[in-house]
Amino acid sequence: MQSGSPPTTPSGRSTHTMANIIGTAIALLTLILPILMIGHYAPSSSPSLQPAPVAGVK
């Protein structure tokens, strides 16, 4: 190796870095988005479930 030559790097290095960032963002959205949607659309207070009265029992 000559002292004046630039270090060798893979040619697609920046492409792989961008793909890793996009993949990480998709993975995080896949994990976080369902939890946020469940929290958003879940009822704020769950109604208490009481058993239905049985006929003929006093």
C-alpha atoms as a PDB file:
ATOM      1  CA  MET A   1       0.000   0.000   0.000  1.00  0.00           C
ATOM      2  CA  GLN A   2       1.341   3.420  -0.883  1.00  0.00           C
ATOM      3  CA  SER A   3       1.405   6.141   1.705  1.00  0.00           C
ATOM      4  CA  GLY A   4      -0.470   8.607  -0.525  1.00  0.00           C
ATOM      5  CA  SER A   5      -3.314   6.295  -1.558  1.00  0.00           C
ATOM      6  CA  PRO A   6      -6.733   6.794   0.020  1.00  0.00           C
ATOM      7  CA  PRO A   7      -8.019   4.001   2.255  1.00  0.00           C
ATOM      8  CA  THR A   8     -10.199   1.503   0.456  1.00  0.00           C
ATOM      9  CA  THR A   9     -13.871   1.538   1.340  1.00  0.00           C
ATOM     10  CA  PRO A  10     -16.732  -0.452  -0.112  1.00  0.00           C
ATOM     11  CA  SER A  11     -18.410   1.449  -2.933  1.00  0.00           C
ATOM     12  CA  GLY A  12     -21.959   0.957  -1.614  1.00  0.00           C
ATOM     13  CA  ARG A  13     -21.222   2.044   1.948  1.00  0.00           C
ATOM     14  CA  SER A  14     -23.572   5.048   1.932  1.00  0.00           C
ATOM     15  CA  THR A  15     -26.348   2.979   0.370  1.00  0.00           C
ATOM     16  CA  HIS A  16     -26.044   0.375   3.106  1.00  0.00           C
ATOM     17  CA  THR A  17     -26.093   3.049   5.788  1.00  0.00           C
ATOM     18  CA  MET A  18     -29.254   4.601   4.372  1.00  0.00           C
ATOM     19  CA  ALA A  19     -30.883   1.171   4.097  1.00  0.00           C
ATOM     20  CA  ASN A  20     -30.024   0.475   7.740  1.00  0.00           C
ATOM     21  CA  ILE A  21     -31.566   3.759   8.849  1.00  0.00           C
ATOM     22  CA  ILE A  22     -34.742   3.170   6.844  1.00  0.00           C
ATOM     23  CA  GLY A  23     -34.976  -0.417   8.087  1.00  0.00           C
ATOM     24  CA  THR A  24     -34.581   0.696  11.676  1.00  0.00           C
ATOM     25  CA  ALA A  25     -37.284   3.342  11.250  1.00  0.00           C
ATOM     26  CA  ILE A  26     -39.692   0.791   9.753  1.00  0.00           C
ATOM     27  CA  ALA A  27     -38.961  -1.655  12.580  1.00  0.00           C
ATOM     28  CA  LEU A  28     -39.597   0.989  15.236  1.00  0.00           C
ATOM     29  CA  LEU A  29     -42.854   2.060  13.581  1.00  0.00           C
ATOM     30  CA  THR A  30     -43.937  -1.569  13.387  1.00  0.00           C
ATOM     31  CA  LEU A  31     -43.375  -1.970  17.111  1.00  0.00           C
ATOM     32  CA  ILE A  32     -44.650   1.390  18.361  1.00  0.00           C
ATOM     33  CA  LEU A  33     -47.558   2.216  16.047  1.00  0.00           C
ATOM     34  CA  PRO A  34     -49.856  -0.677  17.111  1.00  0.00           C
ATOM     35  CA  ILE A  35     -49.373   0.213  20.785  1.00  0.00           C
ATOM     36  CA  LEU A  36     -50.226   3.849  20.111  1.00  0.00           C
ATOM     37  CA  MET A  37     -53.304   2.911  18.066  1.00  0.00           C
ATOM     38  CA  ILE A  38     -54.575   0.528  20.745  1.00  0.00           C
ATOM     39  CA  GLY A  39     -54.106   3.219  23.371  1.00  0.00           C
ATOM     40  CA  HIS A  40     -55.842   5.800  21.211  1.00  0.00           C
ATOM     41  CA  TYR A  41     -58.882   3.720  20.261  1.00  0.00           C
ATOM     42  CA  ALA A  42     -59.335   1.832  23.548  1.00  0.00           C
ATOM     43  CA  PRO A  43     -62.173   3.103  25.707  1.00  0.00           C
ATOM     44  CA  SER A  44     -60.920   5.523  28.344  1.00  0.00           C
ATOM     45  CA  SER A  45     -62.859   3.807  31.116  1.00  0.00           C
ATOM     46  CA  SER A  46     -63.918   0.231  30.817  1.00  0.00           C
ATOM     47  CA  PRO A  47     -67.491  -0.340  31.950  1.00  0.00           C
ATOM     48  CA  SER A  48     -67.784  -2.716  34.869  1.00  0.00           C
ATOM     49  CA  LEU A  49     -69.197  -6.004  33.740  1.00  0.00           C
ATOM     50  CA  GLN A  50     -71.929  -7.213  36.030  1.00  0.00           C
ATOM     51  CA  PRO A  51     -73.488 -10.626  35.664  1.00  0.00           C
ATOM     52  CA  ALA A  52     -76.976 -10.716  34.229  1.00  0.00           C
ATOM     53  CA  PRO A  53     -79.668 -11.542  36.768  1.00  0.00           C
ATOM     54  CA  VAL A  54     -80.797 -15.152  36.647  1.00  0.00           C
ATOM     55  CA  ALA A  55     -84.581 -15.636  36.603  1.00  0.00           C
ATOM     56  CA  GLY A  56     -86.058 -17.505  39.546  1.00  0.00           C
ATOM     57  CA  VAL A  57     -83.151 -16.916  41.948  1.00  0.00           C
ATOM     58  CA  LYS A  58     -83.791 -14.772  45.004  1.00  0.00           C
END
